[in-house]
Amino acid sequence: MENSGGISASLSASLQGRYASALYDLAAENKAVAAVEKDLAALGQALVESADLTALIRNPQIGRDAASQAMAGVAKLLKLSPLTQNFLGVLSANRRLAALPQIVAAFAAIASAARGEVKAEVTSAHPLSDAQMKALAAKLKAREGKDVTLSATVDPAILGGLVVKIGSTQIDSSIRTRLNTLANAMKG
């Protein structure tokens, strides 16, 4: 596979990017991308919800065997596919479990890019309705020429309008930015 869908060089050059890319290639070879993506999403959620699991993967004093056994227990509990279980074993053996949250994110980005999706982060002063999210996704699809997956956050500090980030591009139509621009123009 050609660098898993053309992901940026910086992602594939990073340690977690290399692991995620290798896992993606293996999953694609085995026609298991969807299963592994689901597994990693479950693992990512478990890391968010469990301080104990996060402490486990970050603790350098836990030996390889103990870490492998603990991760095998987590894999069984979460009903992870054999491919994902083997991958966790490799991470444990290489003492790379601490990179798991970044690997989960990198795999999701690789899989999304391979499907031709574009991810956009939308920040608004108030929560957007489903209708507003659909309308925004449609406008961004027309602009990008690809399906756009939105992740929304609320930040009252922008006062109004939207800030949309797609990759390294930022579209800032927030009232805060407009006021700052006006204030700078008046300083002259």
Protein backbone atom coordinates (compact mmCIF):
# COMPACT_ATOMS: atom_id res chain seq x y z
CA MET A 1 0.00 0.00 0.00
CA GLU A 2 1.25 3.46 -0.81
CA ASN A 3 1.69 5.05 2.60
CA SER A 4 -1.88 4.23 3.60
CA GLY A 5 -3.85 6.63 1.48
CA GLY A 6 -1.34 9.45 1.10
CA ILE A 7 -1.23 10.55 4.73
CA SER A 8 1.17 13.40 5.39
CA ALA A 9 4.86 12.63 5.75
CA SER A 10 4.89 13.97 9.32
CA LEU A 11 2.30 11.42 10.45
CA SER A 12 4.02 8.45 8.83
CA ALA A 13 7.42 9.65 10.05
CA SER A 14 6.35 9.66 13.71
CA LEU A 15 6.66 6.52 15.82
CA GLN A 16 2.92 6.27 16.38
CA GLY A 17 2.33 7.00 12.69
CA ARG A 18 4.60 4.13 11.65
CA TYR A 19 2.83 1.72 14.02
CA ALA A 20 -0.61 2.92 12.87
CA SER A 21 0.41 2.71 9.21
CA ALA A 22 1.79 -0.81 9.62
CA LEU A 23 -1.39 -1.89 11.42
CA TYR A 24 -3.53 -0.30 8.70
CA ASP A 25 -1.61 -2.09 5.96
CA LEU A 26 -1.97 -5.41 7.79
CA ALA A 27 -5.68 -4.81 8.44
CA ALA A 28 -6.26 -3.87 4.78
CA GLU A 29 -4.42 -7.02 3.66
CA ASN A 30 -6.70 -9.07 5.90
CA LYS A 31 -9.82 -7.10 4.95
CA ALA A 32 -10.25 -6.16 8.61
CA VAL A 33 -9.92 -2.36 8.57
CA ALA A 34 -13.45 -1.80 9.91
CA ALA A 35 -12.97 -4.34 12.72
CA VAL A 36 -9.60 -2.90 13.77
CA GLU A 37 -10.96 0.65 13.56
CA LYS A 38 -13.86 -0.37 15.84
CA ASP A 39 -11.42 -2.10 18.22
CA LEU A 40 -9.17 0.93 18.42
CA ALA A 41 -12.14 3.24 19.00
CA ALA A 42 -13.18 1.02 21.92
CA LEU A 43 -9.61 1.06 23.26
CA GLY A 44 -9.46 4.85 22.90
CA GLN A 45 -12.73 5.19 24.81
CA ALA A 46 -11.48 2.81 27.51
CA LEU A 47 -8.35 4.95 27.90
CA VAL A 48 -10.49 8.08 28.29
CA GLU A 49 -12.77 6.41 30.86
CA SER A 50 -10.21 4.41 32.86
CA ALA A 51 -7.50 6.18 34.80
CA ASP A 52 -6.16 2.73 35.78
CA LEU A 53 -5.71 1.69 32.15
CA THR A 54 -4.02 4.99 31.33
CA ALA A 55 -1.72 4.57 34.33
CA LEU A 56 -0.92 1.02 33.20
CA ILE A 57 0.20 1.99 29.71
CA ARG A 58 2.28 4.90 31.02
CA ASN A 59 4.01 3.08 33.88
CA PRO A 60 7.61 2.25 32.83
CA GLN A 61 8.08 0.04 35.90
CA ILE A 62 5.60 -2.57 34.69
CA GLY A 63 7.50 -5.37 32.97
CA ARG A 64 6.79 -6.59 29.46
CA ASP A 65 5.16 -9.81 30.62
CA ALA A 66 2.91 -8.07 33.14
CA ALA A 67 1.95 -5.42 30.57
CA SER A 68 1.24 -8.12 27.97
CA GLN A 69 -0.95 -10.05 30.41
CA ALA A 70 -2.82 -6.91 31.46
CA MET A 71 -3.42 -5.87 27.84
CA ALA A 72 -4.55 -9.41 26.97
CA GLY A 73 -7.12 -9.08 29.76
CA VAL A 74 -8.25 -5.71 28.41
CA ALA A 75 -8.47 -7.15 24.89
CA LYS A 76 -10.59 -10.05 26.12
CA LEU A 77 -12.86 -7.73 28.11
CA LEU A 78 -13.36 -5.46 25.09
CA LYS A 79 -13.75 -8.47 22.74
CA LEU A 80 -11.02 -7.20 20.40
CA SER A 81 -10.25 -8.98 17.15
CA PRO A 82 -7.22 -11.31 16.99
CA LEU A 83 -5.36 -8.82 14.78
CA THR A 84 -5.80 -6.02 17.34
CA GLN A 85 -4.85 -8.39 20.17
CA ASN A 86 -1.65 -9.34 18.35
CA PHE A 87 -0.91 -5.67 17.75
CA LEU A 88 -1.27 -4.92 21.46
CA GLY A 89 1.12 -7.79 22.13
CA VAL A 90 3.67 -6.21 19.79
CA LEU A 91 3.26 -2.83 21.51
CA SER A 92 3.72 -4.49 24.91
CA ALA A 93 6.79 -6.43 23.76
CA ASN A 94 8.34 -3.26 22.30
CA ARG A 95 7.41 -1.21 25.39
CA ARG A 96 5.37 1.19 23.27
CA LEU A 97 2.02 1.04 25.08
CA ALA A 98 2.42 4.69 26.13
CA ALA A 99 1.97 5.67 22.48
CA LEU A 100 -1.39 3.86 22.25
CA PRO A 101 -3.63 6.99 22.39
CA GLN A 102 -1.65 8.60 19.55
CA ILE A 103 -1.65 5.34 17.57
CA VAL A 104 -5.45 5.14 17.93
CA ALA A 105 -5.79 8.69 16.59
CA ALA A 106 -3.28 8.09 13.77
CA PHE A 107 -5.05 4.89 12.68
CA ALA A 108 -8.39 6.72 12.59
CA ALA A 109 -6.83 9.46 10.43
CA ILE A 110 -5.27 6.92 8.05
CA ALA A 111 -8.50 4.93 7.71
CA SER A 112 -10.53 8.10 7.18
CA ALA A 113 -8.15 9.39 4.51
CA ALA A 114 -8.14 6.00 2.77
CA ARG A 115 -11.93 6.21 2.53
CA GLY A 116 -11.59 9.66 0.97
CA GLU A 117 -13.04 11.44 3.97
CA VAL A 118 -11.92 14.80 5.23
CA LYS A 119 -12.16 15.68 8.92
CA ALA A 120 -13.10 19.18 10.00
CA GLU A 121 -13.03 20.62 13.50
CA VAL A 122 -15.78 23.17 14.02
CA THR A 123 -15.77 25.60 16.93
CA SER A 124 -18.85 27.67 17.64
CA ALA A 125 -19.92 29.97 20.45
CA HIS A 126 -23.10 27.91 20.97
CA PRO A 127 -23.94 24.28 20.18
CA LEU A 128 -24.98 23.75 16.55
CA SER A 129 -28.24 21.97 15.75
CA ASP A 130 -28.28 18.81 13.65
CA ALA A 131 -29.68 20.82 10.73
CA GLN A 132 -26.85 23.38 11.01
CA MET A 133 -24.26 20.58 11.16
CA LYS A 134 -25.74 18.93 8.04
CA ALA A 135 -25.81 22.25 6.17
CA LEU A 136 -22.20 22.98 7.16
CA ALA A 137 -21.10 19.47 6.13
CA ALA A 138 -22.80 19.94 2.75
CA LYS A 139 -21.06 23.30 2.18
CA LEU A 140 -17.69 21.88 3.17
CA LYS A 141 -18.24 18.86 0.91
CA ALA A 142 -18.89 21.21 -2.01
CA ARG A 143 -15.74 23.18 -1.12
CA GLU A 144 -13.48 20.15 -0.58
CA GLY A 145 -14.98 17.80 -3.15
CA LYS A 146 -15.03 14.98 -0.58
CA ASP A 147 -17.23 13.84 2.29
CA VAL A 148 -16.45 15.83 5.42
CA THR A 149 -16.75 14.42 8.92
CA LEU A 150 -17.37 17.14 11.49
CA SER A 151 -16.30 17.22 15.11
CA ALA A 152 -17.86 20.10 16.99
CA THR A 153 -16.69 21.96 20.07
CA VAL A 154 -18.19 24.95 21.84
CA ASP A 155 -16.06 27.92 22.88
CA PRO A 156 -18.07 30.94 24.10
CA ALA A 157 -14.90 33.07 23.84
CA ILE A 158 -15.29 33.32 20.04
CA LEU A 159 -18.52 35.29 20.73
CA GLY A 160 -20.27 34.15 17.53
CA GLY A 161 -19.64 32.80 14.05
CA LEU A 162 -17.52 29.73 13.39
CA VAL A 163 -13.92 28.60 13.27
CA VAL A 164 -13.45 25.61 10.95
CA LYS A 165 -10.15 23.72 10.71
CA ILE A 166 -9.62 21.29 7.85
CA GLY A 167 -6.11 19.88 8.01
CA SER A 168 -3.79 22.88 8.10
CA THR A 169 -6.43 25.27 6.71
CA GLN A 170 -8.44 27.42 9.09
CA ILE A 171 -11.55 29.34 8.15
CA ASP A 172 -12.18 31.87 10.90
CA SER A 173 -15.46 33.79 10.72
CA SER A 174 -15.68 34.35 14.47
CA ILE A 175 -16.85 37.66 15.85
CA ARG A 176 -13.80 37.77 18.14
CA THR A 177 -11.46 37.69 15.12
CA ARG A 178 -13.50 40.32 13.29
CA LEU A 179 -13.38 42.61 16.34
CA ASN A 180 -9.62 42.09 16.71
CA THR A 181 -9.12 42.88 13.00
CA LEU A 182 -11.24 46.03 13.33
CA ALA A 183 -9.34 47.11 16.45
CA ASN A 184 -6.00 46.63 14.69
CA ALA A 185 -7.23 48.58 11.65
CA MET A 186 -8.33 51.46 13.88
CA LYS A 187 -4.89 51.63 15.54
CA GLY A 188 -3.66 52.29 12.05
